[in-house]
């Protein structure tokens, strides 16, 4: 079998972290900007850089490079300070461990993440819930790589080629995620898309967006493996 790259989203696909993220964003915004975070905004699968730009724009604040860097640094600090809250209030979603374990056993498969999380936050969350051992974070793509999530697959392919010595593209890549933006990212990359209806998007909407397979969750390990292998 030709090598295959399986890239998992983290939040709402593999885990839930409770309310720590929004509390961390509010605290980080107040420290970086000097005013309360009081305007509505949503992640919706954005990269961390994209979310920061969105939050600042929603509050009428110019997202200069200096302010973006300060905001991002505060987010990382605040979430690390809330690691205990994430551990207490968050959880691994049902079936995630078995799905990761089964995928890791597939011949020729290398699995990592394609996530909106910054690298240190991806490591933090995966470590807290003891999932880091299932994925090779050297070959993933993260929320600090680009503002636009659609640009992330190219970062994963570059890292995978550097580490594994094999060129990857959409034909040998599977993206697993829960948002419409996960689906759009996979479609733009010409990758296989497995959508999981454990996040904000309904199963029908994920299918309409073009996911190759839509699963209600990760509980059925055989169905997950079948979806990934096609």
C-alpha atoms as a PDB file:
ATOM      1  CA  UNK A   1       0.000   0.000   0.000  1.00  0.00           C
ATOM      2  CA  UNK A   2       1.266   3.486  -0.832  1.00  0.00           C
ATOM      3  CA  UNK A   3       1.874   5.628   2.251  1.00  0.00           C
ATOM      4  CA  UNK A   4      -1.252   7.426   3.414  1.00  0.00           C
ATOM      5  CA  UNK A   5      -1.511  10.521   5.597  1.00  0.00           C
ATOM      6  CA  UNK A   6      -4.471  10.707   7.995  1.00  0.00           C
ATOM      7  CA  UNK A   7      -4.933  14.136   9.571  1.00  0.00           C
ATOM      8  CA  UNK A   8      -7.309  14.543  12.513  1.00  0.00           C
ATOM      9  CA  UNK A   9      -8.947  17.679  13.787  1.00  0.00           C
ATOM     10  CA  UNK A  10      -8.744  17.892  17.594  1.00  0.00           C
ATOM     11  CA  UNK A  11     -11.539  19.937  19.193  1.00  0.00           C
ATOM     12  CA  UNK A  12     -15.024  18.449  18.836  1.00  0.00           C
ATOM     13  CA  UNK A  13     -13.589  15.608  16.748  1.00  0.00           C
ATOM     14  CA  UNK A  14     -11.352  13.840  19.276  1.00  0.00           C
ATOM     15  CA  UNK A  15     -11.966  15.828  22.470  1.00  0.00           C
ATOM     16  CA  UNK A  16     -14.043  18.489  24.181  1.00  0.00           C
ATOM     17  CA  UNK A  17     -12.331  20.940  26.528  1.00  0.00           C
ATOM     18  CA  UNK A  18     -15.293  22.529  28.297  1.00  0.00           C
ATOM     19  CA  UNK A  19     -15.389  26.286  28.774  1.00  0.00           C
ATOM     20  CA  UNK A  20     -11.672  26.830  29.300  1.00  0.00           C
ATOM     21  CA  UNK A  21     -11.010  28.123  25.786  1.00  0.00           C
ATOM     22  CA  UNK A  22     -13.499  30.970  25.935  1.00  0.00           C
ATOM     23  CA  UNK A  23     -12.368  31.961  29.414  1.00  0.00           C
ATOM     24  CA  UNK A  24      -8.758  31.936  28.239  1.00  0.00           C
ATOM     25  CA  UNK A  25      -9.617  34.055  25.191  1.00  0.00           C
ATOM     26  CA  UNK A  26     -11.455  36.603  27.339  1.00  0.00           C
ATOM     27  CA  UNK A  27      -8.556  36.891  29.768  1.00  0.00           C
ATOM     28  CA  UNK A  28      -5.961  37.030  26.981  1.00  0.00           C
ATOM     29  CA  UNK A  29      -7.920  39.682  25.083  1.00  0.00           C
ATOM     30  CA  UNK A  30      -8.246  41.867  28.165  1.00  0.00           C
ATOM     31  CA  UNK A  31      -4.509  41.647  28.868  1.00  0.00           C
ATOM     32  CA  UNK A  32      -3.416  42.198  25.260  1.00  0.00           C
ATOM     33  CA  UNK A  33      -5.942  44.866  24.253  1.00  0.00           C
ATOM     34  CA  UNK A  34      -6.770  46.510  27.558  1.00  0.00           C
ATOM     35  CA  UNK A  35     -10.553  46.172  27.342  1.00  0.00           C
ATOM     36  CA  UNK A  36     -13.115  43.398  27.881  1.00  0.00           C
ATOM     37  CA  UNK A  37     -13.953  40.851  25.208  1.00  0.00           C
ATOM     38  CA  UNK A  38     -17.665  41.575  24.877  1.00  0.00           C
ATOM     39  CA  UNK A  39     -18.604  41.088  21.216  1.00  0.00           C
ATOM     40  CA  UNK A  40     -20.002  37.820  19.811  1.00  0.00           C
ATOM     41  CA  UNK A  41     -17.657  35.648  17.747  1.00  0.00           C
ATOM     42  CA  UNK A  42     -17.207  31.983  16.854  1.00  0.00           C
ATOM     43  CA  UNK A  43     -14.286  29.659  16.119  1.00  0.00           C
ATOM     44  CA  UNK A  44     -16.147  27.573  13.499  1.00  0.00           C
ATOM     45  CA  UNK A  45     -12.982  25.693  12.602  1.00  0.00           C
ATOM     46  CA  UNK A  46     -10.783  28.756  12.091  1.00  0.00           C
ATOM     47  CA  UNK A  47      -7.073  28.578  12.713  1.00  0.00           C
ATOM     48  CA  UNK A  48      -5.881  30.291  15.873  1.00  0.00           C
ATOM     49  CA  UNK A  49      -4.439  33.104  13.754  1.00  0.00           C
ATOM     50  CA  UNK A  50      -7.748  33.389  11.925  1.00  0.00           C
ATOM     51  CA  UNK A  51      -9.711  33.397  15.181  1.00  0.00           C
ATOM     52  CA  UNK A  52      -7.480  36.105  16.645  1.00  0.00           C
ATOM     53  CA  UNK A  53      -7.993  38.282  13.564  1.00  0.00           C
ATOM     54  CA  UNK A  54     -11.750  37.639  13.744  1.00  0.00           C
ATOM     55  CA  UNK A  55     -11.984  38.521  17.445  1.00  0.00           C
ATOM     56  CA  UNK A  56      -9.999  41.729  17.004  1.00  0.00           C
ATOM     57  CA  UNK A  57     -12.066  42.743  13.981  1.00  0.00           C
ATOM     58  CA  UNK A  58     -15.319  42.024  15.861  1.00  0.00           C
ATOM     59  CA  UNK A  59     -14.164  44.496  18.500  1.00  0.00           C
ATOM     60  CA  UNK A  60     -13.001  47.123  16.022  1.00  0.00           C
ATOM     61  CA  UNK A  61      -9.337  46.631  16.881  1.00  0.00           C
ATOM     62  CA  UNK A  62      -6.648  46.660  14.188  1.00  0.00           C
ATOM     63  CA  UNK A  63      -4.792  43.330  14.119  1.00  0.00           C
ATOM     64  CA  UNK A  64      -1.228  44.579  13.842  1.00  0.00           C
ATOM     65  CA  UNK A  65       1.555  41.944  13.890  1.00  0.00           C
ATOM     66  CA  UNK A  66       2.663  43.157  17.313  1.00  0.00           C
ATOM     67  CA  UNK A  67      -0.828  42.935  18.820  1.00  0.00           C
ATOM     68  CA  UNK A  68      -1.456  39.560  17.187  1.00  0.00           C
ATOM     69  CA  UNK A  69       1.761  38.174  18.667  1.00  0.00           C
ATOM     70  CA  UNK A  70       0.894  39.539  22.106  1.00  0.00           C
ATOM     71  CA  UNK A  71      -2.665  38.152  21.956  1.00  0.00           C
ATOM     72  CA  UNK A  72      -1.459  34.730  20.807  1.00  0.00           C
ATOM     73  CA  UNK A  73       1.174  34.577  23.553  1.00  0.00           C
ATOM     74  CA  UNK A  74      -1.457  35.423  26.145  1.00  0.00           C
ATOM     75  CA  UNK A  75      -3.814  32.728  24.802  1.00  0.00           C
ATOM     76  CA  UNK A  76      -1.095  30.093  25.142  1.00  0.00           C
ATOM     77  CA  UNK A  77      -0.285  31.252  28.673  1.00  0.00           C
ATOM     78  CA  UNK A  78      -3.925  31.395  29.780  1.00  0.00           C
ATOM     79  CA  UNK A  79      -4.755  27.932  28.450  1.00  0.00           C
ATOM     80  CA  UNK A  80      -1.704  26.405  30.086  1.00  0.00           C
ATOM     81  CA  UNK A  81      -2.816  28.018  33.345  1.00  0.00           C
ATOM     82  CA  UNK A  82      -6.201  26.317  32.868  1.00  0.00           C
ATOM     83  CA  UNK A  83      -4.829  22.837  32.170  1.00  0.00           C
ATOM     84  CA  UNK A  84      -6.440  21.572  35.365  1.00  0.00           C
ATOM     85  CA  UNK A  85      -9.818  22.948  34.279  1.00  0.00           C
ATOM     86  CA  UNK A  86      -9.480  21.304  30.875  1.00  0.00           C
ATOM     87  CA  UNK A  87      -8.656  17.984  32.527  1.00  0.00           C
ATOM     88  CA  UNK A  88     -11.586  18.312  34.928  1.00  0.00           C
ATOM     89  CA  UNK A  89     -14.251  19.675  32.584  1.00  0.00           C
ATOM     90  CA  UNK A  90     -13.146  18.215  29.237  1.00  0.00           C
ATOM     91  CA  UNK A  91     -13.282  14.677  27.898  1.00  0.00           C
ATOM     92  CA  UNK A  92     -12.169  12.387  25.123  1.00  0.00           C
ATOM     93  CA  UNK A  93     -15.087  11.885  22.779  1.00  0.00           C
ATOM     94  CA  UNK A  94     -16.557   8.372  22.632  1.00  0.00           C
ATOM     95  CA  UNK A  95     -14.666   6.060  20.297  1.00  0.00           C
ATOM     96  CA  UNK A  96     -11.740   8.404  19.713  1.00  0.00           C
ATOM     97  CA  UNK A  97      -9.091   6.241  21.365  1.00  0.00           C
ATOM     98  CA  UNK A  98     -10.176   3.080  19.556  1.00  0.00           C
ATOM     99  CA  UNK A  99     -10.381   4.970  16.257  1.00  0.00           C
ATOM    100  CA  UNK A 100      -6.859   6.351  16.661  1.00  0.00           C
ATOM    101  CA  UNK A 101      -5.490   2.977  17.718  1.00  0.00           C
ATOM    102  CA  UNK A 102      -7.130   1.151  14.809  1.00  0.00           C
ATOM    103  CA  UNK A 103      -5.998   3.723  12.265  1.00  0.00           C
ATOM    104  CA  UNK A 104      -2.434   3.560  13.559  1.00  0.00           C
ATOM    105  CA  UNK A 105      -2.423  -0.171  12.803  1.00  0.00           C
ATOM    106  CA  UNK A 106      -3.377   0.259   9.136  1.00  0.00           C
ATOM    107  CA  UNK A 107      -0.511  -0.632   6.766  1.00  0.00           C
ATOM    108  CA  UNK A 108       1.233   2.400   5.342  1.00  0.00           C
ATOM    109  CA  UNK A 109      -0.717   4.928   7.415  1.00  0.00           C
ATOM    110  CA  UNK A 110       0.947   7.873   9.140  1.00  0.00           C
ATOM    111  CA  UNK A 111      -1.431   9.873  11.296  1.00  0.00           C
ATOM    112  CA  UNK A 112      -1.149  13.359  12.667  1.00  0.00           C
ATOM    113  CA  UNK A 113      -3.363  16.399  13.149  1.00  0.00           C
ATOM    114  CA  UNK A 114      -4.672  19.208  11.013  1.00  0.00           C
ATOM    115  CA  UNK A 115      -5.973  21.599  13.629  1.00  0.00           C
ATOM    116  CA  UNK A 116      -6.785  25.215  14.287  1.00  0.00           C
ATOM    117  CA  UNK A 117      -4.819  24.937  17.522  1.00  0.00           C
ATOM    118  CA  UNK A 118      -1.382  26.485  17.790  1.00  0.00           C
ATOM    119  CA  UNK A 119       1.285  23.784  18.115  1.00  0.00           C
ATOM    120  CA  UNK A 120       1.804  24.248  21.882  1.00  0.00           C
ATOM    121  CA  UNK A 121      -1.943  24.095  22.484  1.00  0.00           C
ATOM    122  CA  UNK A 122      -2.327  20.978  20.344  1.00  0.00           C
ATOM    123  CA  UNK A 123       0.415  19.346  22.417  1.00  0.00           C
ATOM    124  CA  UNK A 124      -1.197  20.532  25.656  1.00  0.00           C
ATOM    125  CA  UNK A 125      -4.633  19.114  24.835  1.00  0.00           C
ATOM    126  CA  UNK A 126      -3.379  15.829  23.424  1.00  0.00           C
ATOM    127  CA  UNK A 127      -1.097  15.344  26.420  1.00  0.00           C
ATOM    128  CA  UNK A 128      -3.860  16.097  28.922  1.00  0.00           C
ATOM    129  CA  UNK A 129      -6.092  13.419  27.403  1.00  0.00           C
ATOM    130  CA  UNK A 130      -3.234  10.985  26.672  1.00  0.00           C
ATOM    131  CA  UNK A 131      -3.734  10.996  22.900  1.00  0.00           C
ATOM    132  CA  UNK A 132      -0.347  12.355  21.816  1.00  0.00           C
ATOM    133  CA  UNK A 133       1.152   8.888  21.506  1.00  0.00           C
ATOM    134  CA  UNK A 134      -1.197   8.012  18.653  1.00  0.00           C
ATOM    135  CA  UNK A 135      -0.114  10.823  16.314  1.00  0.00           C
ATOM    136  CA  UNK A 136       3.157  12.069  14.843  1.00  0.00           C
ATOM    137  CA  UNK A 137       3.143  15.784  15.548  1.00  0.00           C
ATOM    138  CA  UNK A 138       6.238  16.299  13.405  1.00  0.00           C
ATOM    139  CA  UNK A 139       4.042  15.944  10.310  1.00  0.00           C
ATOM    140  CA  UNK A 140       0.923  17.864  11.322  1.00  0.00           C
ATOM    141  CA  UNK A 141      -0.440  21.299  10.493  1.00  0.00           C
ATOM    142  CA  UNK A 142      -1.390  23.855  13.114  1.00  0.00           C
ATOM    143  CA  UNK A 143      -3.232  27.085  13.717  1.00  0.00           C
ATOM    144  CA  UNK A 144      -0.058  29.132  13.713  1.00  0.00           C
ATOM    145  CA  UNK A 145       0.895  28.053  10.206  1.00  0.00           C
ATOM    146  CA  UNK A 146      -1.562  30.306   8.382  1.00  0.00           C
ATOM    147  CA  UNK A 147      -4.592  32.520   8.896  1.00  0.00           C
ATOM    148  CA  UNK A 148      -6.505  30.454   6.331  1.00  0.00           C
ATOM    149  CA  UNK A 149      -7.296  26.861   7.282  1.00  0.00           C
ATOM    150  CA  UNK A 150      -7.453  25.893   3.605  1.00  0.00           C
ATOM    151  CA  UNK A 151      -3.693  26.494   3.448  1.00  0.00           C
ATOM    152  CA  UNK A 152      -2.865  23.958   6.171  1.00  0.00           C
ATOM    153  CA  UNK A 153      -2.635  20.720   4.137  1.00  0.00           C
ATOM    154  CA  UNK A 154       0.389  22.037   2.257  1.00  0.00           C
ATOM    155  CA  UNK A 155       2.192  22.524   5.573  1.00  0.00           C
ATOM    156  CA  UNK A 156       1.442  18.940   6.605  1.00  0.00           C
ATOM    157  CA  UNK A 157       2.633  17.612   3.228  1.00  0.00           C
ATOM    158  CA  UNK A 158       5.883  19.571   3.473  1.00  0.00           C
ATOM    159  CA  UNK A 159       6.578  18.322   6.973  1.00  0.00           C
ATOM    160  CA  UNK A 160       5.638  14.761   6.066  1.00  0.00           C
ATOM    161  CA  UNK A 161       8.013  14.748   3.121  1.00  0.00           C
ATOM    162  CA  UNK A 162      10.795  16.200   5.281  1.00  0.00           C
ATOM    163  CA  UNK A 163      10.303  13.581   7.991  1.00  0.00           C
ATOM    164  CA  UNK A 164       9.236  10.522   5.996  1.00  0.00           C
ATOM    165  CA  UNK A 165      10.979  11.094   2.679  1.00  0.00           C
ATOM    166  CA  UNK A 166       7.790  10.592   0.670  1.00  0.00           C
ATOM    167  CA  UNK A 167       5.893  13.284  -1.246  1.00  0.00           C
ATOM    168  CA  UNK A 168       2.222  13.522  -0.254  1.00  0.00           C
ATOM    169  CA  UNK A 169      -0.723  15.268  -1.863  1.00  0.00           C
ATOM    170  CA  UNK A 170      -4.501  15.072  -1.721  1.00  0.00           C
ATOM    171  CA  UNK A 171      -4.641  11.695  -3.404  1.00  0.00           C
ATOM    172  CA  UNK A 172      -3.046   9.986  -0.416  1.00  0.00           C
ATOM    173  CA  UNK A 173      -4.430  12.211   2.346  1.00  0.00           C
ATOM    174  CA  UNK A 174      -7.514  11.759   4.546  1.00  0.00           C
ATOM    175  CA  UNK A 175      -8.823  14.655   6.632  1.00  0.00           C
ATOM    176  CA  UNK A 176     -11.118  13.868   9.577  1.00  0.00           C
ATOM    177  CA  UNK A 177     -13.027  16.732  11.184  1.00  0.00           C
ATOM    178  CA  UNK A 178     -16.336  18.055  12.436  1.00  0.00           C
ATOM    179  CA  UNK A 179     -16.829  21.493  10.825  1.00  0.00           C
ATOM    180  CA  UNK A 180     -17.813  22.741   7.405  1.00  0.00           C
ATOM    181  CA  UNK A 181     -14.376  24.334   7.220  1.00  0.00           C
ATOM    182  CA  UNK A 182     -12.761  20.923   7.752  1.00  0.00           C
ATOM    183  CA  UNK A 183     -14.741  19.678   4.754  1.00  0.00           C
ATOM    184  CA  UNK A 184     -13.850  22.727   2.673  1.00  0.00           C
ATOM    185  CA  UNK A 185     -10.171  22.259   3.536  1.00  0.00           C
ATOM    186  CA  UNK A 186     -10.230  18.649   2.436  1.00  0.00           C
ATOM    187  CA  UNK A 187     -12.094  19.427  -0.768  1.00  0.00           C
ATOM    188  CA  UNK A 188      -9.704  22.252  -1.646  1.00  0.00           C
ATOM    189  CA  UNK A 189      -6.797  19.859  -1.128  1.00  0.00           C
ATOM    190  CA  UNK A 190      -8.461  17.116  -3.219  1.00  0.00           C
ATOM    191  CA  UNK A 191      -8.181  14.876  -0.136  1.00  0.00           C
ATOM    192  CA  UNK A 192     -10.624  12.289   1.122  1.00  0.00           C
ATOM    193  CA  UNK A 193     -12.868  13.850   3.773  1.00  0.00           C
ATOM    194  CA  UNK A 194     -14.389  11.973   6.691  1.00  0.00           C
ATOM    195  CA  UNK A 195     -16.743  14.242   8.614  1.00  0.00           C
ATOM    196  CA  UNK A 196     -17.932  13.495  12.141  1.00  0.00           C
ATOM    197  CA  UNK A 197     -21.159  15.118  13.353  1.00  0.00           C
ATOM    198  CA  UNK A 198     -19.890  15.748  16.886  1.00  0.00           C
ATOM    199  CA  UNK A 199     -19.383  19.485  16.466  1.00  0.00           C
ATOM    200  CA  UNK A 200     -21.477  22.476  15.407  1.00  0.00           C
ATOM    201  CA  UNK A 201     -22.437  21.189  11.944  1.00  0.00           C
ATOM    202  CA  UNK A 202     -25.329  18.807  11.331  1.00  0.00           C
ATOM    203  CA  UNK A 203     -24.669  15.574   9.458  1.00  0.00           C
ATOM    204  CA  UNK A 204     -26.827  16.703   6.531  1.00  0.00           C
ATOM    205  CA  UNK A 205     -24.867  19.939   6.211  1.00  0.00           C
ATOM    206  CA  UNK A 206     -21.540  18.098   6.287  1.00  0.00           C
ATOM    207  CA  UNK A 207     -22.758  15.802   3.527  1.00  0.00           C
ATOM    208  CA  UNK A 208     -24.066  18.705   1.463  1.00  0.00           C
ATOM    209  CA  UNK A 209     -20.682  20.425   1.803  1.00  0.00           C
ATOM    210  CA  UNK A 210     -19.063  17.474   0.045  1.00  0.00           C
ATOM    211  CA  UNK A 211     -17.720  15.130   2.730  1.00  0.00           C
ATOM    212  CA  UNK A 212     -16.989  11.700   1.278  1.00  0.00           C
ATOM    213  CA  UNK A 213     -18.336  10.004   4.397  1.00  0.00           C
ATOM    214  CA  UNK A 214     -20.301  11.420   7.335  1.00  0.00           C
ATOM    215  CA  UNK A 215     -20.290   9.529  10.637  1.00  0.00           C
ATOM    216  CA  UNK A 216     -22.462  10.389  13.651  1.00  0.00           C
ATOM    217  CA  UNK A 217     -19.428   9.932  15.925  1.00  0.00           C
ATOM    218  CA  UNK A 218     -16.358   7.713  16.303  1.00  0.00           C
ATOM    219  CA  UNK A 219     -18.001   4.920  18.316  1.00  0.00           C
ATOM    220  CA  UNK A 220     -18.117   2.417  15.442  1.00  0.00           C
ATOM    221  CA  UNK A 221     -14.418   1.667  14.953  1.00  0.00           C
ATOM    222  CA  UNK A 222     -15.006  -0.552  11.922  1.00  0.00           C
ATOM    223  CA  UNK A 223     -17.000   2.233  10.247  1.00  0.00           C
ATOM    224  CA  UNK A 224     -14.233   4.731  10.971  1.00  0.00           C
ATOM    225  CA  UNK A 225     -11.599   2.441   9.448  1.00  0.00           C
ATOM    226  CA  UNK A 226     -13.801   1.784   6.419  1.00  0.00           C
ATOM    227  CA  UNK A 227     -14.366   5.519   5.958  1.00  0.00           C
ATOM    228  CA  UNK A 228     -10.650   6.264   6.136  1.00  0.00           C
ATOM    229  CA  UNK A 229      -9.601   3.476   3.799  1.00  0.00           C
ATOM    230  CA  UNK A 230     -12.377   4.184   1.341  1.00  0.00           C
END
